[in-house]
Protein backbone atom coordinates (compact mmCIF):
# COMPACT_ATOMS: atom_id res chain seq x y z
CA UNK A 1 17.99 -15.13 45.22
CA UNK A 2 14.76 -14.33 43.87
CA UNK A 3 14.02 -10.63 43.14
CA UNK A 4 11.79 -8.59 45.80
CA UNK A 5 8.47 -7.71 44.35
CA UNK A 6 7.62 -4.00 44.50
CA UNK A 7 4.34 -2.70 45.13
CA UNK A 8 3.23 1.07 44.40
CA UNK A 9 0.69 2.17 47.13
CA UNK A 10 -1.54 5.09 46.09
CA UNK A 11 -2.97 6.57 49.32
CA UNK A 12 -3.35 10.03 50.38
CA UNK A 13 -3.57 9.29 54.05
CA UNK A 14 0.12 9.08 54.91
CA UNK A 15 -0.41 7.62 58.18
CA UNK A 16 -2.56 4.99 56.94
CA UNK A 17 -0.21 4.44 54.16
CA UNK A 18 2.60 4.13 56.53
CA UNK A 19 0.97 1.45 58.48
CA UNK A 20 -0.06 -0.74 55.71
CA UNK A 21 3.41 -0.33 53.84
CA UNK A 22 5.22 -1.66 57.00
CA UNK A 23 3.08 -4.57 57.15
CA UNK A 24 3.63 -5.39 53.66
CA UNK A 25 7.56 -4.84 54.09
CA UNK A 26 7.43 -7.44 57.02
CA UNK A 27 6.02 -9.88 54.63
CA UNK A 28 8.92 -9.47 52.14
CA UNK A 29 7.50 -6.77 49.71
CA UNK A 30 9.17 -3.55 48.75
CA UNK A 31 6.66 -0.83 49.07
CA UNK A 32 6.58 2.69 47.02
CA UNK A 33 4.21 4.96 48.13
CA UNK A 34 2.09 7.87 45.99
CA UNK A 35 -0.17 10.49 47.25
CA UNK A 36 -2.32 11.12 44.37
CA UNK A 37 -3.05 10.22 40.84
CA UNK A 38 -0.56 12.36 39.26
CA UNK A 39 2.24 11.01 41.39
CA UNK A 40 1.11 7.38 40.70
CA UNK A 41 1.59 8.03 36.94
CA UNK A 42 5.16 9.30 37.66
CA UNK A 43 6.15 6.66 39.85
CA UNK A 44 4.95 3.69 37.83
CA UNK A 45 7.20 4.94 35.16
CA UNK A 46 10.31 5.05 37.17
CA UNK A 47 9.69 2.18 39.80
CA UNK A 48 8.16 -0.45 37.49
CA UNK A 49 6.08 -2.10 40.41
CA UNK A 50 4.82 -5.69 40.18
CA UNK A 51 1.59 -4.67 41.66
CA UNK A 52 -0.64 -1.54 42.45
CA UNK A 53 -2.47 -0.99 45.83
CA UNK A 54 -5.12 1.79 44.81
CA UNK A 55 -7.19 3.97 47.01
CA UNK A 56 -10.23 5.37 44.77
CA UNK A 57 -10.70 8.68 46.68
CA UNK A 58 -7.66 10.70 45.56
CA UNK A 59 -6.59 14.18 44.81
CA UNK A 60 -5.95 15.40 41.21
CA UNK A 61 -6.83 12.09 39.59
CA UNK A 62 -9.10 9.72 41.55
CA UNK A 63 -8.58 5.94 41.59
CA UNK A 64 -11.05 5.00 38.92
CA UNK A 65 -9.25 7.20 36.39
CA UNK A 66 -5.90 5.82 37.38
CA UNK A 67 -7.23 2.36 36.90
CA UNK A 68 -8.82 3.00 33.62
CA UNK A 69 -5.82 4.74 31.89
CA UNK A 70 -3.46 2.08 33.01
CA UNK A 71 -5.46 -0.67 31.50
CA UNK A 72 -5.51 1.41 27.98
CA UNK A 73 -1.68 1.35 28.16
CA UNK A 74 0.01 -1.81 26.64
CA UNK A 75 2.78 -1.58 29.26
CA UNK A 76 0.26 -1.29 32.11
CA UNK A 77 -2.60 -3.54 31.12
CA UNK A 78 -1.32 -6.72 32.60
CA UNK A 79 -0.33 -4.95 35.89
CA UNK A 80 -2.52 -6.35 38.74
CA UNK A 81 -4.67 -3.66 40.60
CA UNK A 82 -6.01 -3.95 43.87
CA UNK A 83 -8.54 -1.36 45.34
CA UNK A 84 -8.23 -0.62 48.91
CA UNK A 85 -11.25 1.78 49.64
CA UNK A 86 -13.90 2.98 52.15
CA UNK A 87 -16.55 3.13 49.32
CA UNK A 88 -18.83 0.29 49.95
CA UNK A 89 -21.48 0.56 47.69
CA UNK A 90 -22.13 -2.23 45.11
CA UNK A 91 -21.92 0.67 42.00
CA UNK A 92 -18.54 1.73 43.29
CA UNK A 93 -17.32 -1.93 43.14
CA UNK A 94 -18.61 -2.20 39.80
CA UNK A 95 -17.17 0.86 38.39
CA UNK A 96 -13.84 -0.26 39.75
CA UNK A 97 -14.12 -3.57 38.15
CA UNK A 98 -15.34 -1.72 34.88
CA UNK A 99 -12.25 0.35 35.05
CA UNK A 100 -9.94 -2.51 35.12
CA UNK A 101 -9.37 -3.35 38.80
CA UNK A 102 -8.55 -7.10 39.62
CA UNK A 103 -9.85 -7.26 43.26
CA UNK A 104 -11.59 -4.76 45.66
CA UNK A 105 -10.87 -4.56 49.64
CA UNK A 106 -13.25 -2.44 51.59
CA UNK A 107 -11.24 -0.51 54.54
CA UNK A 108 -11.14 -1.56 57.29
CA UNK A 109 -9.94 -4.82 55.68
CA UNK A 110 -8.45 -8.10 56.93
CA UNK A 111 -4.58 -7.94 56.19
CA UNK A 112 -4.30 -11.41 55.81
CA UNK A 113 -6.82 -11.77 53.20
CA UNK A 114 -5.11 -8.90 51.25
CA UNK A 115 -1.59 -10.79 51.51
CA UNK A 116 -3.36 -13.94 50.06
CA UNK A 117 -4.52 -11.99 47.35
CA UNK A 118 -1.41 -10.04 46.65
CA UNK A 119 0.54 -13.47 46.61
CA UNK A 120 -2.04 -14.74 43.98
CA UNK A 121 -1.05 -12.28 41.76
CA UNK A 122 2.70 -12.09 42.37
CA UNK A 123 4.02 -14.43 44.79
């Protein structure tokens, strides 16, 4: 039986995080949530996710910084990072990509499109 793929979802809006997590779990993924950048780093080390879903506007350490710091760490530089954000400016997308993001979705987004992208990274 194949290993269930694990996603770390970093989102400070708990209600939103629960809704998206449930939808991902229905599609066969295990989802672990973190509410800010500091908690994301702690959970990365303990949970060892296959993919990171990352909001950009987070308390403590924002998503841009989380993304940038991960791409400098040998252990995490290959970890796929998908941004889920309300930031809809070209400069924000460019900054996220420059920070190491692999994909960028603007809230509200099409869940099926997100699932297709997740599958392209981790099956």
